[in-house]
Amino acid sequence: MNRDTAEPSRRHLLATAALVPLLPALGVLGGCASAPLSPIQAKETTDTAALTLFNECAAAHGLNGWRRVKDVNVGYRGEWSTLASRVQPERTDTRFRNSLQERLLPAEGLIAQAHTGPAGQKQVLRRLGQGVATGSVEVWYSGRATTDEPLRHTSAMVADTQRLCLLGPLALVDRPQVMKLAGLEQVGDHACERLMVRMVPGLGLSPVEQLVLCIDRRTRLMRRVRFTMDGAAVTRGAVVEVDVSEFQNFQGVEWPTRFRERMRRPVPLLPMHDWQLTGLDLNRGWSAADIGGAQFTGLAQGAARALPGSPAPAG
């Protein structure tokens, strides 16, 4: 193992070990019995019933409306837990990650993020991979490109997971996946069916990821998503889950507006991140050139429009 790979892994292990004395006080020991994430192997095939459930979930989230979306403009604001920043400091990147303006160009597989925090602005341009390719990522801090590999890798994974949590099954349509049914799970007041997914390529720069979508048995909306995080050395082996709620229908698509993340492995039930949608608008008409550098330009500029009942979007 080279030094570049070993050092992030060592920091991750030391940070996790430092939390062990705190776990009883947090009440997080022995609490993950209902979190199966058994890997699906490459040679397996999708069950017909699993495919039917996925298609029903995609339809419930507004697949027909999603097909008409050309560009997406989103605003978020959230908070990381103190312990999360100790376990995954490269991923949380709290000095630059308080509020977020995000731009998606679905047809071209582009995600652009303008993060703002107490230390300044962080800009991310993520190009999703095609086929088995994992794509690429560029990251700027206060206008200057970084070559720091742990930060670049975790930034790619953050962009992909943010997209997955916002879009749910819509993030997985039109790309071949292997899916299996995996029993039932309760998410708050919602009885859900588990749908296991082998995602290729994975999140960030990972070649493969394992997901579980918890799909409401009544409404067919995704209420929770659980996933591995193998796209960066500093998070490899971790499993987290995000509960999504408070859906609003906008132009035929169901958009969750509240997100609560917790870790399932290696520290079970550790609260990680709580964030909410502050703004959303669609089809401004900007192009890839408007999000391709260290700041948004043209029609991609300007905060996403606040949704009814949502806080004013952060600029």
Protein backbone atom coordinates (compact mmCIF):
# COMPACT_ATOMS: atom_id res chain seq x y z
CA MET A 1 0.00 0.00 0.00
CA ASN A 2 1.44 3.39 -0.94
CA ARG A 3 1.63 6.31 1.47
CA ASP A 4 -1.17 8.29 -0.25
CA THR A 5 -3.58 5.41 0.29
CA ALA A 6 -2.36 4.44 3.74
CA GLU A 7 -2.48 7.89 5.34
CA PRO A 8 -6.23 8.60 4.79
CA SER A 9 -7.09 5.08 5.94
CA ARG A 10 -4.94 5.51 9.06
CA ARG A 11 -6.61 8.84 9.88
CA HIS A 12 -10.04 7.25 9.42
CA LEU A 13 -9.20 4.37 11.77
CA LEU A 14 -7.75 6.68 14.41
CA ALA A 15 -10.79 8.96 14.29
CA THR A 16 -13.16 6.03 14.64
CA ALA A 17 -11.14 4.53 17.49
CA ALA A 18 -11.25 7.85 19.32
CA LEU A 19 -15.05 7.66 19.40
CA VAL A 20 -15.29 4.23 21.00
CA PRO A 21 -15.35 5.51 24.63
CA LEU A 22 -18.23 7.84 23.70
CA LEU A 23 -20.51 5.22 22.14
CA PRO A 24 -22.33 4.00 25.28
CA ALA A 25 -23.30 7.59 26.14
CA LEU A 26 -24.63 8.03 22.62
CA GLY A 27 -26.69 4.87 22.92
CA VAL A 28 -25.39 3.51 19.63
CA LEU A 29 -24.04 0.11 20.61
CA GLY A 30 -25.90 -2.94 19.42
CA GLY A 31 -28.49 -0.94 17.51
CA CYS A 32 -28.23 -1.96 13.85
CA ALA A 33 -30.00 -5.32 13.71
CA SER A 34 -32.45 -4.03 11.08
CA ALA A 35 -29.85 -2.82 8.59
CA PRO A 36 -29.12 -5.64 6.11
CA LEU A 37 -26.92 -4.79 3.16
CA SER A 38 -25.90 -8.14 1.74
CA PRO A 39 -23.88 -7.72 -1.45
CA ILE A 40 -25.45 -8.66 -4.76
CA GLN A 41 -22.91 -10.45 -6.95
CA ALA A 42 -22.17 -9.45 -10.55
CA LYS A 43 -23.39 -12.80 -11.91
CA GLU A 44 -26.86 -12.43 -10.36
CA THR A 45 -29.87 -11.23 -12.33
CA THR A 46 -32.79 -8.97 -11.44
CA ASP A 47 -35.97 -10.54 -10.07
CA THR A 48 -39.12 -9.71 -12.03
CA ALA A 49 -40.87 -8.65 -8.82
CA ALA A 50 -37.94 -6.38 -7.93
CA LEU A 51 -38.04 -4.71 -11.34
CA THR A 52 -41.79 -4.18 -11.00
CA LEU A 53 -41.33 -2.53 -7.60
CA PHE A 54 -38.57 -0.29 -8.95
CA ASN A 55 -40.69 0.80 -11.91
CA GLU A 56 -43.62 1.58 -9.59
CA CYS A 57 -41.31 3.61 -7.36
CA ALA A 58 -39.89 5.58 -10.30
CA ALA A 59 -43.42 6.30 -11.53
CA ALA A 60 -44.48 7.48 -8.05
CA HIS A 61 -41.52 9.88 -7.95
CA GLY A 62 -42.64 11.39 -11.26
CA LEU A 63 -40.65 9.70 -14.01
CA ASN A 64 -42.83 11.24 -16.72
CA GLY A 65 -42.21 14.72 -15.32
CA TRP A 66 -38.49 14.00 -14.90
CA ARG A 67 -38.21 13.19 -18.61
CA ARG A 68 -39.14 16.82 -19.34
CA VAL A 69 -36.47 18.32 -17.05
CA LYS A 70 -33.54 19.93 -18.87
CA ASP A 71 -31.71 21.56 -15.95
CA VAL A 72 -32.18 21.52 -12.16
CA ASN A 73 -31.29 24.33 -9.76
CA VAL A 74 -31.31 23.40 -6.07
CA GLY A 75 -30.43 25.13 -2.80
CA TYR A 76 -29.65 23.36 0.49
CA ARG A 77 -28.71 24.27 4.02
CA GLY A 78 -27.65 21.81 6.70
CA GLU A 79 -25.57 20.89 9.71
CA TRP A 80 -23.00 18.16 10.31
CA SER A 81 -22.74 16.58 13.72
CA THR A 82 -19.50 17.23 15.61
CA LEU A 83 -18.75 13.52 15.73
CA ALA A 84 -19.32 13.18 11.97
CA SER A 85 -16.55 15.68 11.29
CA ARG A 86 -14.22 13.60 13.48
CA VAL A 87 -15.03 10.30 11.76
CA GLN A 88 -15.04 11.57 8.13
CA PRO A 89 -13.28 14.97 8.07
CA GLU A 90 -12.52 14.93 4.33
CA ARG A 91 -16.13 14.17 3.48
CA THR A 92 -17.74 16.64 5.89
CA ASP A 93 -15.25 19.40 4.97
CA THR A 94 -17.14 21.61 7.40
CA ARG A 95 -15.06 24.78 6.85
CA PHE A 96 -16.53 24.97 3.35
CA ARG A 97 -19.82 23.08 3.64
CA ASN A 98 -22.68 24.96 5.31
CA SER A 99 -24.97 25.99 2.47
CA LEU A 100 -25.04 24.64 -1.08
CA GLN A 101 -26.23 25.73 -4.50
CA GLU A 102 -26.35 22.73 -6.85
CA ARG A 103 -26.91 22.51 -10.60
CA LEU A 104 -27.79 19.31 -12.47
CA LEU A 105 -27.71 18.79 -16.23
CA PRO A 106 -29.28 15.31 -16.53
CA ALA A 107 -28.83 14.69 -20.26
CA GLU A 108 -25.09 15.37 -20.04
CA GLY A 109 -24.53 13.66 -16.67
CA LEU A 110 -23.18 16.81 -15.00
CA ILE A 111 -23.42 17.88 -11.35
CA ALA A 112 -22.02 21.23 -10.23
CA GLN A 113 -21.93 22.36 -6.61
CA ALA A 114 -21.11 25.71 -5.02
CA HIS A 115 -20.57 25.08 -1.29
CA THR A 116 -20.22 28.00 1.11
CA GLY A 117 -18.81 27.85 4.65
CA PRO A 118 -16.90 29.95 7.19
CA ALA A 119 -13.62 29.52 5.26
CA GLY A 120 -15.02 30.47 1.85
CA GLN A 121 -16.40 28.73 -1.23
CA LYS A 122 -15.79 25.27 -2.61
CA GLN A 123 -16.79 24.50 -6.20
CA VAL A 124 -17.22 20.96 -7.54
CA LEU A 125 -17.79 19.80 -11.11
CA ARG A 126 -18.70 16.12 -11.33
CA ARG A 127 -19.01 14.27 -14.63
CA LEU A 128 -20.88 11.00 -14.17
CA GLY A 129 -19.42 7.88 -15.74
CA GLN A 130 -20.92 5.93 -18.61
CA GLY A 131 -21.07 2.13 -18.70
CA VAL A 132 -18.53 0.90 -16.16
CA ALA A 133 -16.47 4.13 -16.22
CA THR A 134 -16.49 6.10 -12.97
CA GLY A 135 -16.31 9.56 -14.55
CA SER A 136 -14.27 12.51 -13.27
CA VAL A 137 -14.29 15.37 -10.79
CA GLU A 138 -12.74 18.83 -10.51
CA VAL A 139 -12.63 20.81 -7.25
CA TRP A 140 -11.78 24.45 -6.54
CA TYR A 141 -11.30 26.14 -3.17
CA SER A 142 -11.83 29.90 -3.33
CA GLY A 143 -11.14 29.78 -7.07
CA ARG A 144 -8.01 27.62 -6.93
CA ALA A 145 -8.01 24.04 -8.22
CA THR A 146 -6.93 21.33 -5.78
CA THR A 147 -5.08 18.10 -6.49
CA ASP A 148 -5.67 16.69 -3.00
CA GLU A 149 -6.86 13.18 -3.85
CA PRO A 150 -8.84 12.39 -0.64
CA LEU A 151 -10.74 15.69 -1.01
CA ARG A 152 -11.35 15.17 -4.72
CA HIS A 153 -12.57 11.60 -4.25
CA THR A 154 -14.88 12.46 -1.37
CA SER A 155 -16.20 15.47 -3.30
CA ALA A 156 -17.19 13.19 -6.19
CA MET A 157 -18.93 10.84 -3.77
CA VAL A 158 -20.73 13.70 -2.01
CA ALA A 159 -22.04 14.99 -5.35
CA ASP A 160 -23.33 11.54 -6.32
CA THR A 161 -24.93 10.79 -2.94
CA GLN A 162 -26.61 14.21 -2.86
CA ARG A 163 -28.11 13.46 -6.27
CA LEU A 164 -29.20 9.98 -5.15
CA CYS A 165 -30.95 11.32 -2.04
CA LEU A 166 -32.74 14.05 -3.99
CA LEU A 167 -33.87 11.92 -6.93
CA GLY A 168 -34.21 8.45 -5.38
CA PRO A 169 -35.07 5.95 -8.12
CA LEU A 170 -34.92 8.67 -10.78
CA ALA A 171 -31.14 8.72 -10.27
CA LEU A 172 -31.02 5.05 -11.31
CA VAL A 173 -33.26 4.96 -14.39
CA ASP A 174 -31.70 4.32 -17.81
CA ARG A 175 -28.69 2.55 -16.34
CA PRO A 176 -28.56 -1.23 -15.93
CA GLN A 177 -28.69 -2.40 -12.32
CA VAL A 178 -29.18 -5.76 -10.62
CA MET A 179 -32.06 -5.64 -8.12
CA LYS A 180 -33.45 -8.03 -5.50
CA LEU A 181 -36.28 -7.86 -2.98
CA ALA A 182 -35.09 -8.05 0.64
CA GLY A 183 -38.08 -8.10 2.98
CA LEU A 184 -39.75 -5.34 4.97
CA GLU A 185 -38.55 -2.38 7.03
CA GLN A 186 -40.32 0.27 9.07
CA VAL A 187 -39.31 3.89 8.37
CA GLY A 188 -41.09 6.09 10.91
CA ASP A 189 -44.81 5.55 10.34
CA HIS A 190 -44.25 4.01 6.91
CA ALA A 191 -44.18 0.29 6.21
CA CYS A 192 -41.65 -0.21 3.44
CA GLU A 193 -40.36 -2.91 1.12
CA ARG A 194 -36.60 -3.21 0.79
CA LEU A 195 -35.15 -3.19 -2.71
CA MET A 196 -31.47 -4.12 -2.90
CA VAL A 197 -29.54 -2.69 -5.85
CA ARG A 198 -26.09 -3.42 -7.24
CA MET A 199 -25.11 -0.07 -8.73
CA VAL A 200 -22.46 0.06 -11.52
CA PRO A 201 -20.59 2.35 -11.58
CA GLY A 202 -20.87 3.21 -7.91
CA LEU A 203 -20.98 6.51 -6.06
CA GLY A 204 -18.10 8.85 -6.74
CA LEU A 205 -15.14 7.03 -8.23
CA SER A 206 -16.17 3.58 -7.00
CA PRO A 207 -16.68 0.90 -9.69
CA VAL A 208 -19.61 -0.66 -7.79
CA GLU A 209 -21.90 0.17 -4.86
CA GLN A 210 -24.51 -1.70 -2.86
CA LEU A 211 -27.78 0.13 -2.12
CA VAL A 212 -31.03 -0.56 -0.30
CA LEU A 213 -34.09 1.51 -1.21
CA CYS A 214 -36.88 1.41 1.37
CA ILE A 215 -40.06 1.91 -0.66
CA ASP A 216 -43.39 2.83 0.93
CA ARG A 217 -45.84 -0.07 0.45
CA ARG A 218 -48.75 2.35 0.05
CA THR A 219 -47.43 5.37 -1.89
CA ARG A 220 -44.40 3.70 -3.53
CA LEU A 221 -42.23 6.67 -2.57
CA MET A 222 -38.67 5.96 -1.41
CA ARG A 223 -38.50 6.82 2.30
CA ARG A 224 -34.92 5.72 3.04
CA VAL A 225 -31.79 4.85 1.10
CA ARG A 226 -28.84 2.92 2.55
CA PHE A 227 -25.55 2.63 0.71
CA THR A 228 -21.91 1.65 0.89
CA MET A 229 -19.28 4.37 0.45
CA ASP A 230 -16.39 2.73 -1.38
CA GLY A 231 -15.58 5.65 -3.70
CA ALA A 232 -12.86 7.09 -1.42
CA ALA A 233 -10.16 5.53 0.73
CA VAL A 234 -11.24 7.56 3.79
CA THR A 235 -14.80 6.14 3.71
CA ARG A 236 -14.22 2.67 2.27
CA GLY A 237 -16.11 0.05 4.27
CA ALA A 238 -18.59 2.56 5.70
CA VAL A 239 -22.37 2.24 5.33
CA VAL A 240 -24.74 5.15 5.84
CA GLU A 241 -28.47 5.67 5.42
CA VAL A 242 -30.55 8.75 4.71
CA ASP A 243 -34.23 9.22 5.56
CA VAL A 244 -36.02 11.52 3.10
CA SER A 245 -39.35 13.20 3.89
CA GLU A 246 -41.67 16.20 3.46
CA PHE A 247 -42.17 15.70 -0.27
CA GLN A 248 -43.40 18.54 -2.48
CA ASN A 249 -44.70 18.01 -6.01
CA PHE A 250 -43.15 20.42 -8.47
CA GLN A 251 -43.73 20.14 -12.22
CA GLY A 252 -44.84 16.53 -11.88
CA VAL A 253 -41.89 15.31 -9.80
CA GLU A 254 -41.95 14.46 -6.08
CA TRP A 255 -39.05 16.27 -4.40
CA PRO A 256 -38.07 15.42 -0.79
CA THR A 257 -37.22 18.51 1.22
CA ARG A 258 -35.83 17.04 4.47
CA PHE A 259 -32.88 14.67 4.76
CA ARG A 260 -31.45 12.97 7.85
CA GLU A 261 -28.30 10.88 7.59
CA ARG A 262 -26.87 8.42 10.08
CA MET A 263 -24.01 5.96 9.92
CA ARG A 264 -24.63 2.21 10.10
CA ARG A 265 -21.01 1.04 9.85
CA PRO A 266 -18.44 1.22 11.39
CA VAL A 267 -20.21 3.28 14.12
CA PRO A 268 -23.86 2.13 14.26
CA LEU A 269 -26.60 4.78 14.44
CA LEU A 270 -24.17 7.70 14.63
CA PRO A 271 -26.03 10.89 13.55
CA MET A 272 -24.13 12.45 10.65
CA HIS A 273 -25.94 15.14 8.70
CA ASP A 274 -29.31 16.90 8.83
CA TRP A 275 -30.16 19.13 5.89
CA GLN A 276 -33.11 20.59 4.01
CA LEU A 277 -34.05 21.89 0.61
CA THR A 278 -34.17 25.68 0.59
CA GLY A 279 -34.87 26.29 -3.08
CA LEU A 280 -35.70 24.64 -6.40
CA ASP A 281 -36.38 25.72 -9.95
CA LEU A 282 -36.17 23.94 -13.29
CA ASN A 283 -35.37 24.60 -16.94
CA ARG A 284 -33.62 27.96 -16.78
CA GLY A 285 -31.92 27.16 -20.08
CA TRP A 286 -28.23 27.27 -19.15
CA SER A 287 -25.58 25.04 -20.73
CA ALA A 288 -22.59 23.00 -19.58
CA ALA A 289 -20.33 26.00 -20.19
CA ASP A 290 -22.14 27.89 -17.41
CA ILE A 291 -21.10 25.37 -14.73
CA GLY A 292 -17.72 24.27 -16.10
CA GLY A 293 -15.39 26.38 -13.99
CA ALA A 294 -14.62 27.75 -10.54
CA GLN A 295 -17.95 29.59 -10.35
CA PHE A 296 -21.38 29.56 -11.98
CA THR A 297 -21.90 31.92 -14.91
CA GLY A 298 -24.78 32.98 -17.14
CA LEU A 299 -28.22 31.61 -16.34
CA ALA A 300 -26.77 29.16 -13.80
CA GLN A 301 -26.03 32.07 -11.44
CA GLY A 302 -28.48 33.17 -8.78
CA ALA A 303 -29.90 31.15 -5.91
CA ALA A 304 -32.55 28.54 -6.57
CA ARG A 305 -36.08 29.87 -6.14
CA ALA A 306 -37.55 29.21 -2.69
CA LEU A 307 -40.29 26.59 -2.55
CA PRO A 308 -43.56 27.51 -0.82
CA GLY A 309 -43.09 27.07 2.93
CA SER A 310 -39.30 26.70 2.65
CA PRO A 311 -36.68 29.00 4.15
CA ALA A 312 -35.17 31.58 1.82
CA PRO A 313 -32.38 29.94 -0.21
CA ALA A 314 -28.80 30.67 0.70
CA GLY A 315 -26.95 32.58 -1.97
